[in-house]
Each structure stands twice: as C-alpha cells, then as structure tokens.
C-alpha cells in the first residue's frame, strides 16, 4: 500500500526543516494520490525540478516507494522555464502538488532516479 500524498508531503517538509532548509507547499493537490513536483530554488534565478519517476524506474525491490526524476533536461533551469513546465502540468492534471524548497546548494533530499 502506498503512503498517502498528504502524509508524504508532510514528512518531506519535516525532513527539509530538520536539514535547516526552507520548504513550503505551493500547491495542494489530491490528498490520496496526487503527483508531487519538487522545485529546488537556488535563489539565483535558477531552479531544479523533480517529478514522479517513470513507472519503468520501479523494480520489485522498491515496491510502493516514491521515486523522483529530473523533470527538465537541463538542471538547474531558468525559473521561467520551470514555471512554464509547472503551468503545463497543472493544466494537464489539477491534482498535482508543488513543493518549493529554497537551497543555494541545490540539495533535494529525494530518492532520484537517473534520467
């Protein structure tokens, strides 16, 4: 059974807080199973963006774990490119969550699948 999105997001925000990094929910999606996008603002006009990893990235060992992959080919990307991408995602799926993290070093605290 997969962890509810709202609970996963709360735990992720806590993890960021423990690491001394500012993180907020910018857009709240479906409580049960909304997709999550994590934007890491480097506070210099660029950001990294991570979204759900493709289904092919999961294997039997991971089970129901959440995994993330870079959403854009170039990381970090200009903030305008990230905003455009997120606007398309929200238009496509209104149940998405957007979490914003501010960290000059670009730390994300996610399990990243190489794209």
PDB file of N, CA and C in Angstrom:
ATOM      1  N   UNK A   1       0.834  -1.182   0.000  1.00  0.00           N
ATOM      2  CA  UNK A   1       0.000   0.000   0.000  1.00  0.00           C
ATOM      3  C   UNK A   1       0.879   1.246   0.000  1.00  0.00           C
ATOM      4  N   UNK A   2       0.547   2.175  -0.846  1.00  0.00           N
ATOM      5  CA  UNK A   2       1.319   3.408  -0.995  1.00  0.00           C
ATOM      6  C   UNK A   2       0.886   4.448   0.044  1.00  0.00           C
ATOM      7  N   UNK A   3       1.848   5.178   0.551  1.00  0.00           N
ATOM      8  CA  UNK A   3       1.604   6.237   1.511  1.00  0.00           C
ATOM      9  C   UNK A   3       0.785   7.352   0.851  1.00  0.00           C
ATOM     10  N   UNK A   4      -0.199   7.890   1.553  1.00  0.00           N
ATOM     11  CA  UNK A   4      -0.998   8.982   1.014  1.00  0.00           C
ATOM     12  C   UNK A   4      -0.094  10.177   0.730  1.00  0.00           C
ATOM     13  N   UNK A   5      -0.408  10.877  -0.331  1.00  0.00           N
ATOM     14  CA  UNK A   5       0.421  12.003  -0.756  1.00  0.00           C
ATOM     15  C   UNK A   5       0.530  13.068   0.326  1.00  0.00           C
ATOM     16  N   UNK A   6      -0.574  13.407   0.974  1.00  0.00           N
ATOM     17  CA  UNK A   6      -0.550  14.450   2.000  1.00  0.00           C
ATOM     18  C   UNK A   6       0.415  14.083   3.125  1.00  0.00           C
ATOM     19  N   UNK A   7       0.443  12.829   3.505  1.00  0.00           N
ATOM     20  CA  UNK A   7       1.340  12.380   4.567  1.00  0.00           C
ATOM     21  C   UNK A   7       2.791  12.399   4.087  1.00  0.00           C
ATOM     22  N   UNK A   8       3.028  11.975   2.848  1.00  0.00           N
ATOM     23  CA  UNK A   8       4.388  12.002   2.304  1.00  0.00           C
ATOM     24  C   UNK A   8       4.913  13.431   2.265  1.00  0.00           C
ATOM     25  N   UNK A   9       4.076  14.374   1.800  1.00  0.00           N
ATOM     26  CA  UNK A   9       4.492  15.774   1.710  1.00  0.00           C
ATOM     27  C   UNK A   9       4.809  16.325   3.098  1.00  0.00           C
ATOM     28  N   UNK A  10       3.981  16.022   4.088  1.00  0.00           N
ATOM     29  CA  UNK A  10       4.235  16.485   5.458  1.00  0.00           C
ATOM     30  C   UNK A  10       5.578  15.960   5.969  1.00  0.00           C
ATOM     31  N   UNK A  11       5.866  14.702   5.690  1.00  0.00           N
ATOM     32  CA  UNK A  11       7.133  14.109   6.123  1.00  0.00           C
ATOM     33  C   UNK A  11       8.308  14.755   5.386  1.00  0.00           C
ATOM     34  N   UNK A  12       8.143  15.038   4.101  1.00  0.00           N
ATOM     35  CA  UNK A  12       9.201  15.674   3.326  1.00  0.00           C
ATOM     36  C   UNK A  12       9.487  17.085   3.843  1.00  0.00           C
ATOM     37  N   UNK A  13       8.435  17.829   4.153  1.00  0.00           N
ATOM     38  CA  UNK A  13       8.616  19.176   4.707  1.00  0.00           C
ATOM     39  C   UNK A  13       9.371  19.113   6.034  1.00  0.00           C
ATOM     40  N   UNK A  14       9.052  18.137   6.836  1.00  0.00           N
ATOM     41  CA  UNK A  14       9.747  17.958   8.121  1.00  0.00           C
ATOM     42  C   UNK A  14      11.217  17.636   7.889  1.00  0.00           C
ATOM     43  N   UNK A  15      11.500  16.776   6.911  1.00  0.00           N
ATOM     44  CA  UNK A  15      12.889  16.429   6.595  1.00  0.00           C
ATOM     45  C   UNK A  15      13.674  17.672   6.203  1.00  0.00           C
ATOM     46  N   UNK A  16      13.076  18.502   5.370  1.00  0.00           N
ATOM     47  CA  UNK A  16      13.736  19.738   4.967  1.00  0.00           C
ATOM     48  C   UNK A  16      13.983  20.636   6.184  1.00  0.00           C
ATOM     49  N   UNK A  17      13.002  20.720   7.049  1.00  0.00           N
ATOM     50  CA  UNK A  17      13.133  21.543   8.256  1.00  0.00           C
ATOM     51  C   UNK A  17      14.287  21.045   9.128  1.00  0.00           C
ATOM     52  N   UNK A  18      14.386  19.738   9.296  1.00  0.00           N
ATOM     53  CA  UNK A  18      15.467  19.151  10.090  1.00  0.00           C
ATOM     54  C   UNK A  18      16.828  19.499   9.492  1.00  0.00           C
ATOM     55  N   UNK A  19      16.902  19.584   8.172  1.00  0.00           N
ATOM     56  CA  UNK A  19      18.150  19.912   7.487  1.00  0.00           C
ATOM     57  C   UNK A  19      18.430  21.416   7.468  1.00  0.00           C
ATOM     58  N   UNK A  20      17.491  22.208   8.016  1.00  0.00           N
ATOM     59  CA  UNK A  20      17.672  23.653   8.054  1.00  0.00           C
ATOM     60  C   UNK A  20      17.354  24.354   6.749  1.00  0.00           C
ATOM     61  N   UNK A  21      16.508  23.732   5.940  1.00  0.00           N
ATOM     62  CA  UNK A  21      16.159  24.262   4.624  1.00  0.00           C
ATOM     63  C   UNK A  21      14.684  24.657   4.627  1.00  0.00           C
ATOM     64  N   UNK A  22      14.394  25.804   4.041  1.00  0.00           N
ATOM     65  CA  UNK A  22      13.022  26.281   3.946  1.00  0.00           C
ATOM     66  C   UNK A  22      12.277  25.520   2.849  1.00  0.00           C
ATOM     67  N   UNK A  23      11.086  25.012   3.177  1.00  0.00           N
ATOM     68  CA  UNK A  23      10.252  24.300   2.197  1.00  0.00           C
ATOM     69  C   UNK A  23       8.782  24.567   2.515  1.00  0.00           C
ATOM     70  N   UNK A  24       8.004  24.807   1.474  1.00  0.00           N
ATOM     71  CA  UNK A  24       6.581  25.087   1.634  1.00  0.00           C
ATOM     72  C   UNK A  24       5.782  24.377   0.554  1.00  0.00           C
ATOM     73  N   UNK A  25       4.509  24.157   0.847  1.00  0.00           N
ATOM     74  CA  UNK A  25       3.588  23.632  -0.162  1.00  0.00           C
ATOM     75  C   UNK A  25       3.062  24.827  -0.937  1.00  0.00           C
ATOM     76  N   UNK A  26       3.393  24.875  -2.191  1.00  0.00           N
ATOM     77  CA  UNK A  26       2.935  25.972  -3.040  1.00  0.00           C
ATOM     78  C   UNK A  26       1.571  25.669  -3.641  1.00  0.00           C
ATOM     79  N   UNK A  27       1.325  24.391  -3.908  1.00  0.00           N
ATOM     80  CA  UNK A  27       0.034  23.977  -4.465  1.00  0.00           C
ATOM     81  C   UNK A  27      -0.342  22.635  -3.877  1.00  0.00           C
ATOM     82  N   UNK A  28      -1.526  22.599  -3.323  1.00  0.00           N
ATOM     83  CA  UNK A  28      -2.026  21.374  -2.691  1.00  0.00           C
ATOM     84  C   UNK A  28      -2.863  20.608  -3.708  1.00  0.00           C
ATOM     85  N   UNK A  29      -2.552  19.331  -3.868  1.00  0.00           N
ATOM     86  CA  UNK A  29      -3.278  18.505  -4.821  1.00  0.00           C
ATOM     87  C   UNK A  29      -4.166  17.497  -4.113  1.00  0.00           C
ATOM     88  N   UNK A  30      -4.402  16.376  -4.763  1.00  0.00           N
ATOM     89  CA  UNK A  30      -5.258  15.323  -4.206  1.00  0.00           C
ATOM     90  C   UNK A  30      -4.600  14.705  -2.975  1.00  0.00           C
ATOM     91  N   UNK A  31      -5.338  14.629  -1.903  1.00  0.00           N
ATOM     92  CA  UNK A  31      -4.838  14.103  -0.624  1.00  0.00           C
ATOM     93  C   UNK A  31      -4.336  12.662  -0.738  1.00  0.00           C
ATOM     94  N   UNK A  32      -5.054  11.861  -1.480  1.00  0.00           N
ATOM     95  CA  UNK A  32      -4.777  10.427  -1.533  1.00  0.00           C
ATOM     96  C   UNK A  32      -3.627  10.050  -2.453  1.00  0.00           C
ATOM     97  N   UNK A  33      -3.652  10.568  -3.672  1.00  0.00           N
ATOM     98  CA  UNK A  33      -2.686  10.059  -4.653  1.00  0.00           C
ATOM     99  C   UNK A  33      -2.276  11.087  -5.702  1.00  0.00           C
ATOM    100  N   UNK A  34      -2.184  12.343  -5.336  1.00  0.00           N
ATOM    101  CA  UNK A  34      -1.744  13.354  -6.298  1.00  0.00           C
ATOM    102  C   UNK A  34      -0.256  13.217  -6.593  1.00  0.00           C
ATOM    103  N   UNK A  35       0.143  13.541  -7.814  1.00  0.00           N
ATOM    104  CA  UNK A  35       1.559  13.543  -8.178  1.00  0.00           C
ATOM    105  C   UNK A  35       2.236  14.722  -7.479  1.00  0.00           C
ATOM    106  N   UNK A  36       3.510  14.564  -7.155  1.00  0.00           N
ATOM    107  CA  UNK A  36       4.252  15.602  -6.447  1.00  0.00           C
ATOM    108  C   UNK A  36       5.405  16.092  -7.322  1.00  0.00           C
ATOM    109  N   UNK A  37       5.511  17.410  -7.456  1.00  0.00           N
ATOM    110  CA  UNK A  37       6.652  18.040  -8.106  1.00  0.00           C
ATOM    111  C   UNK A  37       7.385  18.856  -7.057  1.00  0.00           C
ATOM    112  N   UNK A  38       8.700  18.700  -7.014  1.00  0.00           N
ATOM    113  CA  UNK A  38       9.524  19.406  -6.042  1.00  0.00           C
ATOM    114  C   UNK A  38      10.445  20.348  -6.802  1.00  0.00           C
ATOM    115  N   UNK A  39      10.298  21.626  -6.486  1.00  0.00           N
ATOM    116  CA  UNK A  39      11.135  22.653  -7.108  1.00  0.00           C
ATOM    117  C   UNK A  39      12.176  23.084  -6.083  1.00  0.00           C
ATOM    118  N   UNK A  40      13.431  23.014  -6.481  1.00  0.00           N
ATOM    119  CA  UNK A  40      14.528  23.438  -5.622  1.00  0.00           C
ATOM    120  C   UNK A  40      15.036  24.772  -6.164  1.00  0.00           C
ATOM    121  N   UNK A  41      14.650  25.858  -5.512  1.00  0.00           N
ATOM    122  CA  UNK A  41      15.093  27.182  -5.934  1.00  0.00           C
ATOM    123  C   UNK A  41      16.493  27.421  -5.389  1.00  0.00           C
ATOM    124  N   UNK A  42      17.395  27.758  -6.290  1.00  0.00           N
ATOM    125  CA  UNK A  42      18.782  28.035  -5.889  1.00  0.00           C
ATOM    126  C   UNK A  42      18.974  29.506  -5.528  1.00  0.00           C
ATOM    127  N   UNK A  43      17.879  30.278  -5.554  1.00  0.00           N
ATOM    128  CA  UNK A  43      17.868  31.682  -5.152  1.00  0.00           C
ATOM    129  C   UNK A  43      18.778  32.564  -6.006  1.00  0.00           C
ATOM    130  N   UNK A  44      19.024  32.141  -7.237  1.00  0.00           N
ATOM    131  CA  UNK A  44      19.844  32.925  -8.160  1.00  0.00           C
ATOM    132  C   UNK A  44      19.178  33.045  -9.533  1.00  0.00           C
ATOM    133  N   UNK A  45      17.864  32.791  -9.577  1.00  0.00           N
ATOM    134  CA  UNK A  45      17.151  32.839 -10.849  1.00  0.00           C
ATOM    135  C   UNK A  45      17.065  31.500 -11.550  1.00  0.00           C
ATOM    136  N   UNK A  46      17.590  30.446 -10.906  1.00  0.00           N
ATOM    137  CA  UNK A  46      17.508  29.103 -11.468  1.00  0.00           C
ATOM    138  C   UNK A  46      16.928  28.143 -10.429  1.00  0.00           C
ATOM    139  N   UNK A  47      16.394  27.044 -10.931  1.00  0.00           N
ATOM    140  CA  UNK A  47      15.810  26.026 -10.060  1.00  0.00           C
ATOM    141  C   UNK A  47      16.004  24.649 -10.670  1.00  0.00           C
ATOM    142  N   UNK A  48      16.000  23.643  -9.818  1.00  0.00           N
ATOM    143  CA  UNK A  48      15.919  22.252 -10.252  1.00  0.00           C
ATOM    144  C   UNK A  48      14.463  21.843 -10.081  1.00  0.00           C
ATOM    145  N   UNK A  49      13.977  20.956 -10.928  1.00  0.00           N
ATOM    146  CA  UNK A  49      12.609  20.479 -10.813  1.00  0.00           C
ATOM    147  C   UNK A  49      12.601  18.965 -10.910  1.00  0.00           C
ATOM    148  N   UNK A  50      11.957  18.346  -9.940  1.00  0.00           N
ATOM    149  CA  UNK A  50      11.841  16.895  -9.902  1.00  0.00           C
ATOM    150  C   UNK A  50      10.370  16.516  -9.850  1.00  0.00           C
ATOM    151  N   UNK A  51      10.041  15.460 -10.584  1.00  0.00           N
ATOM    152  CA  UNK A  51       8.677  14.955 -10.608  1.00  0.00           C
ATOM    153  C   UNK A  51       8.690  13.452 -10.474  1.00  0.00           C
ATOM    154  N   UNK A  52       7.508  12.845 -10.534  1.00  0.00           N
ATOM    155  CA  UNK A  52       7.439  11.393 -10.396  1.00  0.00           C
ATOM    156  C   UNK A  52       8.294  10.686 -11.444  1.00  0.00           C
ATOM    157  N   UNK A  53       9.042   9.705 -11.001  1.00  0.00           N
ATOM    158  CA  UNK A  53       9.857   8.910 -11.924  1.00  0.00           C
ATOM    159  C   UNK A  53       8.926   8.068 -12.791  1.00  0.00           C
ATOM    160  N   UNK A  54       9.345   7.766 -14.017  1.00  0.00           N
ATOM    161  CA  UNK A  54       8.507   6.907 -14.859  1.00  0.00           C
ATOM    162  C   UNK A  54       8.329   5.522 -14.242  1.00  0.00           C
ATOM    163  N   UNK A  55       7.226   4.909 -14.547  1.00  0.00           N
ATOM    164  CA  UNK A  55       6.910   3.589 -13.976  1.00  0.00           C
ATOM    165  C   UNK A  55       8.020   2.579 -14.232  1.00  0.00           C
ATOM    166  N   UNK A  56       8.714   2.715 -15.335  1.00  0.00           N
ATOM    167  CA  UNK A  56       9.788   1.775 -15.667  1.00  0.00           C
ATOM    168  C   UNK A  56      10.950   1.852 -14.689  1.00  0.00           C
ATOM    169  N   UNK A  57      11.015   2.919 -13.887  1.00  0.00           N
ATOM    170  CA  UNK A  57      12.114   3.083 -12.936  1.00  0.00           C
ATOM    171  C   UNK A  57      11.926   2.229 -11.675  1.00  0.00           C
ATOM    172  N   UNK A  58      10.734   1.710 -11.471  1.00  0.00           N
ATOM    173  CA  UNK A  58      10.454   0.920 -10.282  1.00  0.00           C
ATOM    174  C   UNK A  58      10.757  -0.546 -10.545  1.00  0.00           C
ATOM    175  N   UNK A  59      11.312  -1.204  -9.540  1.00  0.00           N
ATOM    176  CA  UNK A  59      11.514  -2.649  -9.653  1.00  0.00           C
ATOM    177  C   UNK A  59      10.846  -3.323  -8.455  1.00  0.00           C
ATOM    178  N   UNK A  60      10.867  -4.616  -8.415  1.00  0.00           N
ATOM    179  CA  UNK A  60      10.193  -5.360  -7.349  1.00  0.00           C
ATOM    180  C   UNK A  60      10.751  -5.027  -5.972  1.00  0.00           C
ATOM    181  N   UNK A  61      12.015  -4.678  -5.892  1.00  0.00           N
ATOM    182  CA  UNK A  61      12.633  -4.379  -4.595  1.00  0.00           C
ATOM    183  C   UNK A  61      12.095  -3.093  -3.992  1.00  0.00           C
ATOM    184  N   UNK A  62      11.729  -2.115  -4.834  1.00  0.00           N
ATOM    185  CA  UNK A  62      11.251  -0.852  -4.313  1.00  0.00           C
ATOM    186  C   UNK A  62       9.798  -0.923  -3.865  1.00  0.00           C
ATOM    187  N   UNK A  63       9.030  -1.770  -4.460  1.00  0.00           N
ATOM    188  CA  UNK A  63       7.638  -1.898  -4.078  1.00  0.00           C
ATOM    189  C   UNK A  63       6.858  -0.625  -4.324  1.00  0.00           C
ATOM    190  N   UNK A  64       6.260  -0.075  -3.274  1.00  0.00           N
ATOM    191  CA  UNK A  64       5.379   1.079  -3.411  1.00  0.00           C
ATOM    192  C   UNK A  64       6.072   2.395  -3.092  1.00  0.00           C
ATOM    193  N   UNK A  65       7.382   2.429  -3.062  1.00  0.00           N
ATOM    194  CA  UNK A  65       8.117   3.649  -2.719  1.00  0.00           C
ATOM    195  C   UNK A  65       7.937   4.724  -3.781  1.00  0.00           C
ATOM    196  N   UNK A  66       8.037   5.968  -3.372  1.00  0.00           N
ATOM    197  CA  UNK A  66       8.024   7.087  -4.329  1.00  0.00           C
ATOM    198  C   UNK A  66       9.442   7.303  -4.812  1.00  0.00           C
ATOM    199  N   UNK A  67       9.568   7.572  -6.070  1.00  0.00           N
ATOM    200  CA  UNK A  67      10.869   7.896  -6.648  1.00  0.00           C
ATOM    201  C   UNK A  67      10.691   9.108  -7.549  1.00  0.00           C
ATOM    202  N   UNK A  68      11.729   9.901  -7.646  1.00  0.00           N
ATOM    203  CA  UNK A  68      11.674  11.127  -8.424  1.00  0.00           C
ATOM    204  C   UNK A  68      12.757  11.128  -9.482  1.00  0.00           C
ATOM    205  N   UNK A  69      12.489  11.857 -10.553  1.00  0.00           N
ATOM    206  CA  UNK A  69      13.440  12.019 -11.643  1.00  0.00           C
ATOM    207  C   UNK A  69      13.437  13.487 -12.049  1.00  0.00           C
ATOM    208  N   UNK A  70      14.549  13.956 -12.611  1.00  0.00           N
ATOM    209  CA  UNK A  70      14.555  15.334 -13.103  1.00  0.00           C
ATOM    210  C   UNK A  70      13.452  15.529 -14.150  1.00  0.00           C
ATOM    211  N   UNK A  71      12.736  16.624 -14.043  1.00  0.00           N
ATOM    212  CA  UNK A  71      11.638  16.893 -14.981  1.00  0.00           C
ATOM    213  C   UNK A  71      12.096  17.638 -16.224  1.00  0.00           C
ATOM    214  N   UNK A  72      13.218  18.331 -16.123  1.00  0.00           N
ATOM    215  CA  UNK A  72      13.731  19.104 -17.243  1.00  0.00           C
ATOM    216  C   UNK A  72      15.088  18.559 -17.658  1.00  0.00           C
ATOM    217  N   UNK A  73      15.400  18.682 -18.942  1.00  0.00           N
ATOM    218  CA  UNK A  73      16.666  18.146 -19.461  1.00  0.00           C
ATOM    219  C   UNK A  73      17.866  18.888 -18.889  1.00  0.00           C
ATOM    220  N   UNK A  74      17.722  20.174 -18.654  1.00  0.00           N
ATOM    221  CA  UNK A  74      18.818  20.983 -18.120  1.00  0.00           C
ATOM    222  C   UNK A  74      18.505  21.331 -16.676  1.00  0.00           C
ATOM    223  N   UNK A  75      19.406  20.969 -15.773  1.00  0.00           N
ATOM    224  CA  UNK A  75      19.243  21.280 -14.353  1.00  0.00           C
ATOM    225  C   UNK A  75      20.524  21.938 -13.868  1.00  0.00           C
ATOM    226  N   UNK A  76      20.490  23.067 -13.214  1.00  0.00           N
ATOM    227  CA  UNK A  76      19.315  23.896 -12.976  1.00  0.00           C
ATOM    228  C   UNK A  76      18.864  24.619 -14.243  1.00  0.00           C
ATOM    229  N   UNK A  77      17.574  24.945 -14.262  1.00  0.00           N
ATOM    230  CA  UNK A  77      16.973  25.644 -15.396  1.00  0.00           C
ATOM    231  C   UNK A  77      16.556  27.039 -14.943  1.00  0.00           C
ATOM    232  N   UNK A  78      16.355  27.910 -15.893  1.00  0.00           N
ATOM    233  CA  UNK A  78      15.856  29.242 -15.557  1.00  0.00           C
ATOM    234  C   UNK A  78      14.485  29.118 -14.904  1.00  0.00           C
ATOM    235  N   UNK A  79      14.217  29.997 -13.944  1.00  0.00           N
ATOM    236  CA  UNK A  79      12.943  29.952 -13.233  1.00  0.00           C
ATOM    237  C   UNK A  79      11.749  30.051 -14.181  1.00  0.00           C
ATOM    238  N   UNK A  80      11.871  30.827 -15.244  1.00  0.00           N
ATOM    239  CA  UNK A  80      10.772  30.966 -16.207  1.00  0.00           C
ATOM    240  C   UNK A  80      10.452  29.630 -16.875  1.00  0.00           C
ATOM    241  N   UNK A  81      11.467  28.848 -17.194  1.00  0.00           N
ATOM    242  CA  UNK A  81      11.247  27.531 -17.802  1.00  0.00           C
ATOM    243  C   UNK A  81      10.561  26.587 -16.821  1.00  0.00           C
ATOM    244  N   UNK A  82      10.941  26.673 -15.565  1.00  0.00           N
ATOM    245  CA  UNK A  82      10.317  25.830 -14.532  1.00  0.00           C
ATOM    246  C   UNK A  82       8.850  26.208 -14.366  1.00  0.00           C
ATOM    247  N   UNK A  83       8.565  27.509 -14.335  1.00  0.00           N
ATOM    248  CA  UNK A  83       7.180  27.974 -14.198  1.00  0.00           C
ATOM    249  C   UNK A  83       6.323  27.524 -15.376  1.00  0.00           C
ATOM    250  N   UNK A  84       6.869  27.590 -16.573  1.00  0.00           N
ATOM    251  CA  UNK A  84       6.142  27.149 -17.765  1.00  0.00           C
ATOM    252  C   UNK A  84       5.819  25.659 -17.675  1.00  0.00           C
ATOM    253  N   UNK A  85       6.802  24.870 -17.257  1.00  0.00           N
ATOM    254  CA  UNK A  85       6.610  23.424 -17.120  1.00  0.00           C
ATOM    255  C   UNK A  85       5.524  23.130 -16.083  1.00  0.00           C
ATOM    256  N   UNK A  86       5.600  23.789 -14.936  1.00  0.00           N
ATOM    257  CA  UNK A  86       4.612  23.546 -13.873  1.00  0.00           C
ATOM    258  C   UNK A  86       3.210  23.972 -14.306  1.00  0.00           C
ATOM    259  N   UNK A  87       3.086  25.065 -15.036  1.00  0.00           N
ATOM    260  CA  UNK A  87       1.776  25.501 -15.517  1.00  0.00           C
ATOM    261  C   UNK A  87       1.162  24.456 -16.440  1.00  0.00           C
ATOM    262  N   UNK A  88       1.989  23.854 -17.306  1.00  0.00           N
ATOM    263  CA  UNK A  88       1.504  22.773 -18.192  1.00  0.00           C
ATOM    264  C   UNK A  88       1.039  21.572 -17.379  1.00  0.00           C
ATOM    265  N   UNK A  89       1.803  21.214 -16.356  1.00  0.00           N
ATOM    266  CA  UNK A  89       1.438  20.059 -15.535  1.00  0.00           C
ATOM    267  C   UNK A  89       0.117  20.285 -14.807  1.00  0.00           C
ATOM    268  N   UNK A  90      -0.069  21.478 -14.260  1.00  0.00           N
ATOM    269  CA  UNK A  90      -1.312  21.794 -13.535  1.00  0.00           C
ATOM    270  C   UNK A  90      -2.499  21.777 -14.489  1.00  0.00           C
ATOM    271  N   UNK A  91      -2.291  22.262 -15.693  1.00  0.00           N
ATOM    272  CA  UNK A  91      -3.355  22.252 -16.700  1.00  0.00           C
ATOM    273  C   UNK A  91      -3.715  20.820 -17.086  1.00  0.00           C
ATOM    274  N   UNK A  92      -2.698  19.972 -17.201  1.00  0.00           N
ATOM    275  CA  UNK A  92      -2.901  18.565 -17.558  1.00  0.00           C
ATOM    276  C   UNK A  92      -3.528  17.779 -16.418  1.00  0.00           C
ATOM    277  N   UNK A  93      -3.072  18.023 -15.179  1.00  0.00           N
ATOM    278  CA  UNK A  93      -3.545  17.275 -14.017  1.00  0.00           C
ATOM    279  C   UNK A  93      -3.750  18.222 -12.836  1.00  0.00           C
ATOM    280  N   UNK A  94      -4.977  18.639 -12.567  1.00  0.00           N
ATOM    281  CA  UNK A  94      -5.224  19.588 -11.481  1.00  0.00           C
ATOM    282  C   UNK A  94      -4.992  19.009 -10.079  1.00  0.00           C
ATOM    283  N   UNK A  95      -4.693  17.722  -9.967  1.00  0.00           N
ATOM    284  CA  UNK A  95      -4.473  17.095  -8.663  1.00  0.00           C
ATOM    285  C   UNK A  95      -3.007  17.103  -8.221  1.00  0.00           C
ATOM    286  N   UNK A  96      -2.111  17.758  -8.974  1.00  0.00           N
ATOM    287  CA  UNK A  96      -0.696  17.740  -8.627  1.00  0.00           C
ATOM    288  C   UNK A  96      -0.402  18.618  -7.415  1.00  0.00           C
ATOM    289  N   UNK A  97       0.633  18.225  -6.705  1.00  0.00           N
ATOM    290  CA  UNK A  97       1.183  19.002  -5.599  1.00  0.00           C
ATOM    291  C   UNK A  97       2.457  19.674  -6.099  1.00  0.00           C
ATOM    292  N   UNK A  98       2.729  20.877  -5.617  1.00  0.00           N
ATOM    293  CA  UNK A  98       4.005  21.538  -5.893  1.00  0.00           C
ATOM    294  C   UNK A  98       4.608  21.945  -4.559  1.00  0.00           C
ATOM    295  N   UNK A  99       5.798  21.443  -4.308  1.00  0.00           N
ATOM    296  CA  UNK A  99       6.532  21.780  -3.093  1.00  0.00           C
ATOM    297  C   UNK A  99       7.733  22.612  -3.507  1.00  0.00           C
ATOM    298  N   UNK A 100       7.928  23.743  -2.846  1.00  0.00           N
ATOM    299  CA  UNK A 100       9.064  24.623  -3.141  1.00  0.00           C
ATOM    300  C   UNK A 100      10.067  24.562  -2.005  1.00  0.00           C
ATOM    301  N   UNK A 101      11.312  24.337  -2.377  1.00  0.00           N
ATOM    302  CA  UNK A 101      12.418  24.279  -1.427  1.00  0.00           C
ATOM    303  C   UNK A 101      13.407  25.366  -1.830  1.00  0.00           C
ATOM    304  N   UNK A 102      13.944  26.075  -0.848  1.00  0.00           N
ATOM    305  CA  UNK A 102      14.963  27.087  -1.123  1.00  0.00           C
ATOM    306  C   UNK A 102      16.292  26.611  -0.554  1.00  0.00           C
ATOM    307  N   UNK A 103      17.247  26.372  -1.450  1.00  0.00           N
ATOM    308  CA  UNK A 103      18.571  25.931  -1.019  1.00  0.00           C
ATOM    309  C   UNK A 103      19.595  26.304  -2.088  1.00  0.00           C
ATOM    310  N   UNK A 104      20.503  27.189  -1.742  1.00  0.00           N
ATOM    311  CA  UNK A 104      21.511  27.649  -2.702  1.00  0.00           C
ATOM    312  C   UNK A 104      22.369  26.496  -3.232  1.00  0.00           C
ATOM    313  N   UNK A 105      22.568  25.470  -2.403  1.00  0.00           N
ATOM    314  CA  UNK A 105      23.387  24.327  -2.810  1.00  0.00           C
ATOM    315  C   UNK A 105      22.615  23.340  -3.687  1.00  0.00           C
ATOM    316  N   UNK A 106      21.308  23.480  -3.783  1.00  0.00           N
ATOM    317  CA  UNK A 106      20.507  22.594  -4.624  1.00  0.00           C
ATOM    318  C   UNK A 106      20.220  21.229  -4.007  1.00  0.00           C
ATOM    319  N   UNK A 107      20.355  21.121  -2.693  1.00  0.00           N
ATOM    320  CA  UNK A 107      20.040  19.832  -2.053  1.00  0.00           C
ATOM    321  C   UNK A 107      18.549  19.572  -2.152  1.00  0.00           C
ATOM    322  N   UNK A 108      18.178  18.294  -2.386  1.00  0.00           N
ATOM    323  CA  UNK A 108      16.757  17.992  -2.584  1.00  0.00           C
ATOM    324  C   UNK A 108      16.201  16.958  -1.613  1.00  0.00           C
ATOM    325  N   UNK A 109      17.026  16.128  -1.010  1.00  0.00           N
ATOM    326  CA  UNK A 109      16.599  15.119  -0.031  1.00  0.00           C
ATOM    327  C   UNK A 109      15.579  14.127  -0.607  1.00  0.00           C
ATOM    328  N   UNK A 110      15.690  13.828  -1.898  1.00  0.00           N
ATOM    329  CA  UNK A 110      14.799  12.877  -2.576  1.00  0.00           C
ATOM    330  C   UNK A 110      15.587  11.684  -3.063  1.00  0.00           C
ATOM    331  N   UNK A 111      14.884  10.573  -3.276  1.00  0.00           N
ATOM    332  CA  UNK A 111      15.485   9.437  -3.964  1.00  0.00           C
ATOM    333  C   UNK A 111      15.340   9.716  -5.457  1.00  0.00           C
ATOM    334  N   UNK A 112      16.475   9.998  -6.118  1.00  0.00           N
ATOM    335  CA  UNK A 112      16.454  10.404  -7.516  1.00  0.00           C
ATOM    336  C   UNK A 112      16.805   9.218  -8.407  1.00  0.00           C
ATOM    337  N   UNK A 113      16.017   9.033  -9.448  1.00  0.00           N
ATOM    338  CA  UNK A 113      16.283   8.017 -10.452  1.00  0.00           C
ATOM    339  C   UNK A 113      16.973   8.717 -11.613  1.00  0.00           C
ATOM    340  N   UNK A 114      18.114   8.201 -12.024  1.00  0.00           N
ATOM    341  CA  UNK A 114      18.844   8.823 -13.140  1.00  0.00           C
ATOM    342  C   UNK A 114      17.989   8.780 -14.389  1.00  0.00           C
ATOM    343  N   UNK A 115      17.905   9.912 -15.069  1.00  0.00           N
ATOM    344  CA  UNK A 115      17.072  10.021 -16.259  1.00  0.00           C
ATOM    345  C   UNK A 115      17.895   9.777 -17.443  1.00  0.00           C
TER     346      UNK A 115
END
